[in-house]
Amino acid sequence: MRVFNSYTNQLENFESIHPNIINMYVCGPTVYNYIHVGNARPVVFFDMVRRFFEKRGFKVNFASNFTDIDDRIIQKAFEEGKNELAVSQFYIDAFLKDLHDLNCKTDYIKPRVTEYMDNIKKYIQEMIDNGYAYVIDGDVYFVVEKIKDYGKLSNRNIDDLISGSRIEINHKKKSPLDFTLWKKTDTGINFDSPFSKGRPGWHTECVAMIDDIFHEKIDIHGGGMDLQFPHHENEIAQSKATHNHCLANYWLHNGRLSFKNEKMSKSLGNVVFVKDVTEKMPLRYFLLSTHYRAPLNYDDDVLEMYQKEWQKLENSVKSLFFKLDLESVIDQTVNIEDENIKREIENFNSALEDDFNSANAITAMQALIRQINSSLRRKFDAKLFNQFLVGINYMMDVLGLKLELKSLSVEDRKLYESWQNARNDLDFDKADKLRDELIERGFL
């Protein structure tokens, strides 16, 4: 299995630190608003990564944080006349609902910054004691120039960064590159510390939580491409200062999602919130339709196309399940022996083994759907149809595409029999009405 490691900027063979165990951390949301479809891209992608590893027999210790203190949360709380933690909790609940609706797994480790404050302060103190950080007027800064290869992840040069316009001007700092570990403030929620009353810097929160949860270098650290610099670069710097390693063996970053070829951003006001997308499975299908490192462009026409693609897939799988259920011969334990089905499953697995190429995996799934459609037009074959069902369920489960398949009740069977009789009797009006009812019940 190969993955593209952003830290080394190359494809590498994947090996976990511990046999059959993967420790994985993905940067989570700052909870001051609903997530938009661009925020959902890493959520869906890394959920698929977790699912694939689990199908391969790994135990995946998956963690993703909630940044529940932040200037934007404080501002939102002020605007709404609430306290910060109430605002955070509301949007945490909204985020988890969006995850559920997108069929992402929610049984993972969910650290909140406010719950790790003691660990964060200890982590900062350790960097001060080691000479990698300094305190000025209650603020704490990290000494970037002590990290020799700072900028490796994002392919940036320290000299270029110092002269660059992106660096914040702050005369307290010894160097314009030095970033904040702790900010002295009495605005909004704050915490006592040996340095001052204030709040931690964003870049320290994640690395301190990873350190406390896993106690060692992890296998995979993930997030969006926009987090490479400065967030992930600064996480690596702090990990090198405290533990002399780059925090994770493999760094994975997904490409940006745009809206009508422009950056999707809450600040620009051109966002489409996940909660406002009516059909979530077509959205998930779309988010996995392109290789995760490639850019992705969203608009209404594109989503409509994937709604149609999802409907085709849904109709095929429902028809397959319906025919098996009608004969009462569903067997989810059957071994796949058919060479054509085996070939597409191998193509599907090979695609995901090659840097999680979900686009090629979907191509294999669509090829299997074409086989299913072709077989549905021929004589019923219980053994073959059950192999199709096992194969397509495997692919959809890895991709996280959820389809509700309902078993026929006695009443449903009678309805189907009546429909068939009406067709045989050439009573087309009656047949059309019965067919509409079967469609409404989700069987055709």
Protein backbone atom coordinates (compact mmCIF):
# COMPACT_ATOMS: atom_id res chain seq x y z
CA MET A 1 0.00 0.00 0.00
CA ARG A 2 1.31 3.44 -0.97
CA VAL A 3 0.43 6.91 0.34
CA PHE A 4 1.61 10.36 -0.62
CA ASN A 5 3.47 11.81 2.35
CA SER A 6 3.27 15.62 2.33
CA TYR A 7 6.25 15.79 4.68
CA THR A 8 8.60 14.06 2.23
CA ASN A 9 6.63 15.16 -0.84
CA GLN A 10 6.62 11.66 -2.33
CA LEU A 11 4.70 8.40 -2.54
CA GLU A 12 5.83 5.94 0.12
CA ASN A 13 5.04 2.40 1.12
CA PHE A 14 2.79 2.48 4.15
CA GLU A 15 3.84 0.67 7.33
CA SER A 16 2.15 1.19 10.68
CA ILE A 17 4.27 1.72 13.79
CA HIS A 18 2.47 -1.09 15.63
CA PRO A 19 1.29 -4.27 13.87
CA ASN A 20 -2.42 -4.12 12.93
CA ILE A 21 -2.91 -0.79 14.76
CA ILE A 22 -3.14 2.69 13.24
CA ASN A 23 -3.05 5.85 15.34
CA MET A 24 -4.55 8.68 13.33
CA TYR A 25 -5.38 12.33 14.03
CA VAL A 26 -7.28 14.75 11.80
CA CYS A 27 -7.71 18.43 12.60
CA GLY A 28 -11.34 19.12 13.46
CA PRO A 29 -13.54 22.22 13.29
CA THR A 30 -13.46 25.48 15.19
CA VAL A 31 -17.06 25.38 16.35
CA TYR A 32 -18.52 28.83 15.75
CA ASN A 33 -20.72 28.04 12.73
CA TYR A 34 -22.16 25.20 10.66
CA ILE A 35 -19.76 23.36 8.36
CA HIS A 36 -19.92 23.95 4.61
CA VAL A 37 -19.32 21.39 1.87
CA GLY A 38 -15.66 22.42 1.66
CA ASN A 39 -15.21 21.64 5.37
CA ALA A 40 -16.92 18.30 4.71
CA ARG A 41 -14.32 17.14 2.18
CA PRO A 42 -11.61 16.11 4.70
CA VAL A 43 -14.28 14.75 7.05
CA VAL A 44 -15.62 12.40 4.37
CA PHE A 45 -12.22 11.50 2.94
CA PHE A 46 -10.59 10.54 6.25
CA ASP A 47 -13.72 8.65 7.25
CA MET A 48 -13.22 6.56 4.10
CA VAL A 49 -9.53 6.07 4.98
CA ARG A 50 -10.53 4.79 8.41
CA ARG A 51 -13.15 2.46 6.90
CA PHE A 52 -10.68 0.99 4.41
CA PHE A 53 -8.06 0.32 7.07
CA GLU A 54 -10.66 -1.35 9.26
CA LYS A 55 -11.75 -3.56 6.36
CA ARG A 56 -8.10 -4.57 6.02
CA GLY A 57 -8.08 -5.77 9.63
CA PHE A 58 -6.48 -2.77 11.36
CA LYS A 59 -7.67 -1.36 14.65
CA VAL A 60 -7.87 2.37 13.96
CA ASN A 61 -7.50 4.73 16.92
CA PHE A 62 -9.02 7.78 15.25
CA ALA A 63 -9.01 11.20 16.93
CA SER A 64 -10.30 14.54 15.69
CA ASN A 65 -10.59 17.61 17.89
CA PHE A 66 -13.05 20.39 18.57
CA THR A 67 -11.50 23.84 18.94
CA ASP A 68 -14.07 25.13 21.42
CA ILE A 69 -12.29 28.37 22.39
CA ASP A 70 -11.34 30.91 19.77
CA ASP A 71 -11.76 34.62 19.00
CA ARG A 72 -14.48 33.78 16.47
CA ILE A 73 -16.41 31.81 19.10
CA ILE A 74 -16.10 34.71 21.53
CA GLN A 75 -17.40 37.10 18.86
CA LYS A 76 -20.31 34.76 18.08
CA ALA A 77 -21.17 34.48 21.78
CA PHE A 78 -21.14 38.28 22.07
CA GLU A 79 -23.42 38.65 19.05
CA GLU A 80 -25.89 36.05 20.35
CA GLY A 81 -25.76 37.06 24.02
CA LYS A 82 -24.57 33.60 25.11
CA ASN A 83 -21.48 32.24 26.81
CA GLU A 84 -18.75 30.71 24.68
CA LEU A 85 -19.22 27.11 25.81
CA ALA A 86 -22.94 27.22 24.99
CA VAL A 87 -22.10 28.42 21.48
CA SER A 88 -19.44 25.73 21.10
CA GLN A 89 -21.79 22.98 22.28
CA PHE A 90 -24.51 24.05 19.86
CA TYR A 91 -22.16 23.83 16.86
CA ILE A 92 -20.54 20.62 18.10
CA ASP A 93 -24.01 19.04 18.12
CA ALA A 94 -24.70 20.47 14.66
CA PHE A 95 -21.37 19.12 13.36
CA LEU A 96 -22.06 15.62 14.69
CA LYS A 97 -25.52 15.68 13.09
CA ASP A 98 -23.93 16.59 9.75
CA LEU A 99 -21.48 13.71 10.20
CA HIS A 100 -24.32 11.32 10.92
CA ASP A 101 -26.27 12.53 7.87
CA LEU A 102 -23.15 12.09 5.69
CA ASN A 103 -22.81 8.56 7.11
CA CYS A 104 -19.44 9.34 8.71
CA LYS A 105 -18.52 7.31 11.77
CA THR A 106 -18.90 9.29 14.99
CA ASP A 107 -17.42 6.73 17.40
CA TYR A 108 -13.99 8.34 17.56
CA ILE A 109 -11.90 10.22 20.13
CA LYS A 110 -13.19 13.83 20.29
CA PRO A 111 -10.85 15.96 22.43
CA ARG A 112 -11.96 19.51 23.24
CA VAL A 113 -9.42 22.23 23.92
CA THR A 114 -11.17 23.26 27.15
CA GLU A 115 -10.79 19.71 28.49
CA TYR A 116 -7.03 19.64 27.86
CA MET A 117 -6.03 22.98 29.34
CA ASP A 118 -3.72 21.48 32.02
CA ASN A 119 -1.97 19.36 29.37
CA ILE A 120 -1.55 22.37 27.08
CA LYS A 121 -0.02 24.49 29.86
CA LYS A 122 2.38 21.66 30.79
CA TYR A 123 3.37 21.29 27.14
CA ILE A 124 4.09 25.01 26.86
CA GLN A 125 6.09 24.97 30.10
CA GLU A 126 8.22 22.12 28.78
CA MET A 127 9.10 24.16 25.70
CA ILE A 128 10.03 27.13 27.90
CA ASP A 129 12.21 24.89 30.08
CA ASN A 130 13.92 23.44 26.99
CA GLY A 131 14.74 26.89 25.65
CA TYR A 132 12.33 26.70 22.69
CA ALA A 133 9.92 29.30 24.03
CA TYR A 134 10.02 32.57 25.94
CA VAL A 135 7.60 34.70 27.95
CA ILE A 136 7.14 38.43 27.38
CA ASP A 137 4.49 40.39 29.31
CA GLY A 138 2.43 37.24 29.85
CA ASP A 139 2.53 36.14 26.21
CA VAL A 140 4.51 33.04 25.26
CA TYR A 141 6.25 32.65 21.89
CA PHE A 142 7.99 29.75 20.15
CA VAL A 143 11.57 30.21 18.86
CA VAL A 144 11.17 29.09 15.24
CA GLU A 145 14.82 29.59 14.24
CA LYS A 146 15.84 26.77 16.61
CA ILE A 147 14.11 24.28 14.26
CA LYS A 148 16.66 23.75 11.49
CA ASP A 149 14.30 22.41 8.83
CA TYR A 150 11.30 24.59 9.65
CA GLY A 151 9.20 24.93 6.51
CA LYS A 152 9.90 21.40 5.21
CA LEU A 153 6.24 20.36 5.18
CA SER A 154 5.05 23.40 3.27
CA ASN A 155 8.22 23.79 1.17
CA ARG A 156 8.96 27.25 2.60
CA ASN A 157 12.31 28.82 3.33
CA ILE A 158 12.84 30.61 6.66
CA ASP A 159 14.52 33.63 5.05
CA ASP A 160 11.64 33.98 2.58
CA LEU A 161 9.15 33.72 5.43
CA ILE A 162 10.86 36.45 7.45
CA SER A 163 10.76 38.83 4.51
CA GLY A 164 7.26 37.78 3.48
CA SER A 165 4.24 39.98 4.03
CA ARG A 166 2.23 37.19 5.71
CA ILE A 167 4.24 37.42 8.92
CA GLU A 168 2.46 39.33 11.66
CA ILE A 169 4.27 42.45 12.90
CA ASN A 170 4.71 42.20 16.67
CA HIS A 171 7.53 44.10 18.36
CA LYS A 172 7.43 41.84 21.41
CA LYS A 173 8.74 38.92 19.42
CA LYS A 174 12.44 38.22 19.11
CA SER A 175 11.78 37.20 15.49
CA PRO A 176 8.78 37.90 13.24
CA LEU A 177 8.55 34.14 12.62
CA ASP A 178 7.97 33.26 16.28
CA PHE A 179 4.38 32.15 16.83
CA THR A 180 2.12 32.44 19.86
CA LEU A 181 1.84 29.56 22.32
CA TRP A 182 -0.14 31.50 24.94
CA LYS A 183 -1.94 34.82 24.64
CA LYS A 184 -2.53 37.05 27.64
CA THR A 185 -6.08 38.36 27.51
CA ASP A 186 -9.05 39.21 29.68
CA THR A 187 -11.47 39.26 26.74
CA GLY A 188 -13.89 36.35 26.68
CA ILE A 189 -13.20 32.99 28.27
CA ASN A 190 -9.70 32.74 29.77
CA PHE A 191 -7.68 30.50 32.03
CA ASP A 192 -5.12 30.91 34.79
CA SER A 193 -1.59 29.81 33.98
CA PRO A 194 1.99 30.36 35.24
CA PHE A 195 2.43 32.80 32.35
CA SER A 196 -0.73 34.92 32.67
CA LYS A 197 -4.49 34.73 32.54
CA GLY A 198 -5.29 34.01 28.92
CA ARG A 199 -5.77 31.35 26.24
CA PRO A 200 -3.51 28.95 24.32
CA GLY A 201 -2.43 29.52 20.75
CA TRP A 202 -4.18 27.41 18.12
CA HIS A 203 -1.01 25.64 16.98
CA THR A 204 -0.29 24.29 20.45
CA GLU A 205 -3.74 22.90 21.11
CA CYS A 206 -3.60 20.05 18.59
CA VAL A 207 -0.02 18.95 19.28
CA ALA A 208 -0.62 18.89 23.06
CA MET A 209 -3.79 16.84 22.64
CA ILE A 210 -2.06 14.37 20.33
CA ASP A 211 0.74 14.02 22.87
CA ASP A 212 -1.69 13.28 25.69
CA ILE A 213 -3.93 10.89 23.72
CA PHE A 214 -1.27 8.81 21.98
CA HIS A 215 1.91 9.41 24.07
CA GLU A 216 4.08 8.82 21.01
CA LYS A 217 4.60 9.56 17.34
CA ILE A 218 1.44 8.68 15.40
CA ASP A 219 1.00 6.96 12.05
CA ILE A 220 -1.11 9.53 10.18
CA HIS A 221 -1.87 13.20 10.67
CA GLY A 222 -4.43 14.62 8.24
CA GLY A 223 -6.23 17.76 7.26
CA GLY A 224 -6.89 20.19 4.44
CA MET A 225 -4.10 21.56 2.27
CA ASP A 226 -4.71 25.02 3.75
CA LEU A 227 -3.51 23.75 7.15
CA GLN A 228 -0.01 22.87 5.96
CA PHE A 229 1.18 26.36 6.80
CA PRO A 230 1.27 27.63 9.39
CA HIS A 231 -0.77 25.20 11.52
CA HIS A 232 0.80 21.84 10.71
CA GLU A 233 4.25 23.34 10.21
CA ASN A 234 4.03 24.77 13.72
CA GLU A 235 2.76 21.50 15.17
CA ILE A 236 5.83 19.77 13.76
CA ALA A 237 8.13 22.45 15.17
CA GLN A 238 6.72 21.98 18.67
CA SER A 239 6.92 18.20 18.45
CA LYS A 240 10.56 18.44 17.45
CA ALA A 241 11.21 20.77 20.38
CA THR A 242 9.61 18.38 22.89
CA HIS A 243 10.16 14.90 21.44
CA ASN A 244 12.62 15.33 18.56
CA HIS A 245 10.25 13.87 15.94
CA CYS A 246 7.87 15.27 13.32
CA LEU A 247 4.73 14.09 15.15
CA ALA A 248 3.51 11.65 12.45
CA ASN A 249 5.10 9.21 10.03
CA TYR A 250 2.70 10.21 7.25
CA TRP A 251 1.12 13.60 6.64
CA LEU A 252 -1.95 13.53 4.35
CA HIS A 253 -3.59 16.66 2.96
CA ASN A 254 -6.68 16.94 0.79
CA GLY A 255 -7.05 19.57 -1.91
CA ARG A 256 -9.30 22.59 -1.75
CA LEU A 257 -12.95 22.58 -2.70
CA SER A 258 -14.07 25.67 -4.63
CA PHE A 259 -17.51 27.09 -5.31
CA LYS A 260 -17.98 28.04 -8.96
CA ASN A 261 -14.18 28.18 -9.25
CA GLU A 262 -13.79 30.55 -6.30
CA LYS A 263 -12.57 29.70 -2.82
CA MET A 264 -15.48 28.67 -0.60
CA SER A 265 -15.24 30.68 2.59
CA LYS A 266 -17.56 31.81 5.36
CA SER A 267 -15.83 35.20 5.30
CA LEU A 268 -16.60 35.57 1.57
CA GLY A 269 -20.20 34.50 2.12
CA ASN A 270 -20.22 32.01 -0.77
CA VAL A 271 -20.74 28.89 1.30
CA VAL A 272 -23.17 26.01 0.98
CA PHE A 273 -23.77 24.50 4.39
CA VAL A 274 -23.97 20.73 4.61
CA LYS A 275 -27.20 21.02 6.61
CA ASP A 276 -28.83 22.78 3.65
CA VAL A 277 -28.02 20.05 1.13
CA THR A 278 -31.17 17.94 1.00
CA GLU A 279 -29.67 14.66 -0.21
CA LYS A 280 -26.49 13.79 1.66
CA MET A 281 -25.41 10.59 -0.14
CA PRO A 282 -25.06 12.30 -3.55
CA LEU A 283 -22.94 14.92 -1.78
CA ARG A 284 -20.72 12.22 -0.26
CA TYR A 285 -20.53 10.51 -3.67
CA PHE A 286 -19.39 13.82 -5.20
CA LEU A 287 -16.80 14.52 -2.49
CA LEU A 288 -15.13 11.15 -3.19
CA SER A 289 -15.42 11.41 -6.98
CA THR A 290 -12.01 13.08 -7.40
CA HIS A 291 -8.63 12.04 -6.02
CA TYR A 292 -8.32 13.62 -2.59
CA ARG A 293 -5.20 15.65 -3.41
CA ALA A 294 -6.77 17.22 -6.50
CA PRO A 295 -8.87 20.39 -6.35
CA LEU A 296 -12.63 19.95 -6.53
CA ASN A 297 -15.20 22.42 -7.84
CA TYR A 298 -18.75 22.53 -6.52
CA ASP A 299 -21.86 24.03 -8.05
CA ASP A 300 -25.54 23.14 -8.28
CA ASP A 301 -25.20 21.48 -11.69
CA VAL A 302 -22.44 19.20 -10.46
CA LEU A 303 -24.47 18.15 -7.42
CA GLU A 304 -27.49 17.51 -9.63
CA MET A 305 -25.37 15.21 -11.79
CA TYR A 306 -24.32 13.20 -8.75
CA GLN A 307 -27.91 13.04 -7.55
CA LYS A 308 -28.71 11.30 -10.84
CA GLU A 309 -25.68 9.02 -10.53
CA TRP A 310 -26.72 8.12 -6.99
CA GLN A 311 -30.26 7.36 -8.14
CA LYS A 312 -28.94 4.99 -10.81
CA LEU A 313 -26.79 3.18 -8.25
CA GLU A 314 -29.66 3.10 -5.77
CA ASN A 315 -32.08 1.67 -8.32
CA SER A 316 -29.66 -1.08 -9.35
CA VAL A 317 -28.88 -2.23 -5.81
CA LYS A 318 -32.53 -2.06 -4.75
CA SER A 319 -33.56 -4.14 -7.77
CA LEU A 320 -30.90 -6.73 -6.95
CA PHE A 321 -31.96 -6.92 -3.31
CA PHE A 322 -35.65 -7.00 -4.25
CA LYS A 323 -35.25 -10.00 -6.57
CA LEU A 324 -33.31 -11.93 -3.94
CA ASP A 325 -35.77 -11.01 -1.20
CA LEU A 326 -38.73 -11.93 -3.38
CA GLU A 327 -37.36 -15.46 -3.62
CA SER A 328 -36.35 -15.45 0.09
CA VAL A 329 -32.77 -16.46 -0.80
CA ILE A 330 -30.65 -13.59 0.56
CA ASP A 331 -27.29 -14.90 1.80
CA GLN A 332 -24.78 -12.29 2.95
CA THR A 333 -22.23 -14.97 3.90
CA VAL A 334 -21.70 -16.30 0.39
CA ASN A 335 -18.10 -16.40 -0.88
CA ILE A 336 -17.36 -14.48 -4.05
CA GLU A 337 -16.29 -16.99 -6.69
CA ASP A 338 -17.36 -15.27 -9.89
CA GLU A 339 -14.21 -14.08 -11.68
CA ASN A 340 -15.79 -10.89 -13.05
CA ILE A 341 -16.94 -9.79 -9.60
CA LYS A 342 -13.58 -10.69 -8.06
CA ARG A 343 -11.80 -8.65 -10.71
CA GLU A 344 -13.76 -5.48 -9.90
CA ILE A 345 -13.23 -5.92 -6.15
CA GLU A 346 -9.51 -6.32 -6.80
CA ASN A 347 -9.59 -3.15 -8.94
CA PHE A 348 -11.45 -1.36 -6.15
CA ASN A 349 -8.95 -2.42 -3.47
CA SER A 350 -5.96 -1.68 -5.71
CA ALA A 351 -7.23 1.85 -6.31
CA LEU A 352 -7.49 2.56 -2.58
CA GLU A 353 -4.13 0.92 -1.93
CA ASP A 354 -2.65 3.41 -4.40
CA ASP A 355 -2.85 6.56 -2.26
CA PHE A 356 -6.59 6.19 -1.55
CA ASN A 357 -7.63 6.83 -5.14
CA SER A 358 -11.37 6.99 -4.54
CA ALA A 359 -12.02 8.14 -8.12
CA ASN A 360 -10.65 4.87 -9.52
CA ALA A 361 -12.39 2.92 -6.76
CA ILE A 362 -15.70 4.46 -7.87
CA THR A 363 -14.88 3.47 -11.46
CA ALA A 364 -14.57 -0.16 -10.28
CA MET A 365 -17.85 0.14 -8.37
CA GLN A 366 -19.61 1.49 -11.45
CA ALA A 367 -18.22 -1.40 -13.50
CA LEU A 368 -19.74 -3.80 -10.97
CA ILE A 369 -23.07 -1.96 -11.21
CA ARG A 370 -23.02 -2.46 -14.98
CA GLN A 371 -22.52 -6.19 -14.40
CA ILE A 372 -25.46 -6.19 -11.99
CA ASN A 373 -27.73 -4.38 -14.46
CA SER A 374 -26.80 -6.79 -17.22
CA SER A 375 -27.47 -9.83 -15.00
CA LEU A 376 -30.82 -8.45 -13.81
CA ARG A 377 -32.04 -8.63 -17.41
CA ARG A 378 -31.23 -12.32 -17.60
CA LYS A 379 -32.49 -15.43 -15.81
CA PHE A 380 -32.54 -15.23 -12.01
CA ASP A 381 -29.42 -16.80 -10.47
CA ALA A 382 -29.50 -16.79 -6.66
CA LYS A 383 -25.86 -17.73 -6.22
CA LEU A 384 -24.58 -15.05 -8.63
CA PHE A 385 -26.97 -12.38 -7.35
CA ASN A 386 -25.89 -12.94 -3.74
CA GLN A 387 -22.26 -12.57 -4.80
CA PHE A 388 -23.18 -9.28 -6.46
CA LEU A 389 -24.90 -8.13 -3.28
CA VAL A 390 -21.92 -9.00 -1.08
CA GLY A 391 -19.53 -7.30 -3.50
CA ILE A 392 -21.47 -4.06 -3.90
CA ASN A 393 -22.18 -3.87 -0.16
CA TYR A 394 -18.43 -4.15 0.52
CA MET A 395 -17.61 -1.31 -1.87
CA MET A 396 -20.38 0.95 -0.62
CA ASP A 397 -19.45 0.32 3.01
CA VAL A 398 -15.82 1.30 2.39
CA LEU A 399 -16.92 4.45 0.56
CA GLY A 400 -19.50 5.11 3.27
CA LEU A 401 -22.41 5.23 0.80
CA LYS A 402 -25.46 4.26 2.78
CA LEU A 403 -28.51 2.73 1.15
CA GLU A 404 -31.64 1.66 3.00
CA LEU A 405 -32.69 -1.79 1.79
CA LYS A 406 -36.08 -2.86 3.10
CA SER A 407 -37.25 -6.47 3.22
CA LEU A 408 -40.64 -7.31 1.75
CA SER A 409 -43.56 -7.74 4.14
CA VAL A 410 -46.49 -10.09 3.46
CA GLU A 411 -48.48 -7.08 2.28
CA ASP A 412 -45.64 -6.02 -0.04
CA ARG A 413 -45.49 -9.50 -1.57
CA LYS A 414 -49.24 -9.43 -2.23
CA LEU A 415 -48.90 -6.00 -3.83
CA TYR A 416 -46.09 -7.26 -6.08
CA GLU A 417 -48.13 -10.32 -7.05
CA SER A 418 -51.11 -8.09 -7.89
CA TRP A 419 -48.85 -5.92 -10.06
CA GLN A 420 -47.53 -8.96 -11.94
CA ASN A 421 -51.09 -10.28 -12.45
CA ALA A 422 -52.25 -6.90 -13.77
CA ARG A 423 -49.35 -6.86 -16.24
CA ASN A 424 -50.12 -10.40 -17.37
CA ASP A 425 -53.80 -9.44 -17.81
CA LEU A 426 -52.75 -6.36 -19.82
CA ASP A 427 -54.58 -4.14 -17.32
CA PHE A 428 -52.09 -1.33 -17.75
CA ASP A 429 -53.96 1.31 -15.73
CA LYS A 430 -54.06 -0.96 -12.69
CA ALA A 431 -50.48 -2.09 -13.29
CA ASP A 432 -49.25 1.53 -13.42
CA LYS A 433 -50.97 2.38 -10.14
CA LEU A 434 -49.56 -0.70 -8.40
CA ARG A 435 -46.11 0.02 -9.81
CA ASP A 436 -46.26 3.58 -8.48
CA GLU A 437 -47.12 2.20 -5.06
CA LEU A 438 -44.19 -0.23 -5.19
CA ILE A 439 -41.90 2.65 -6.18
CA GLU A 440 -43.24 4.77 -3.32
CA ARG A 441 -42.49 1.93 -0.90
CA GLY A 442 -38.93 1.78 -2.25
CA PHE A 443 -38.99 -1.60 -3.98
CA LEU A 444 -38.76 -0.58 -7.63
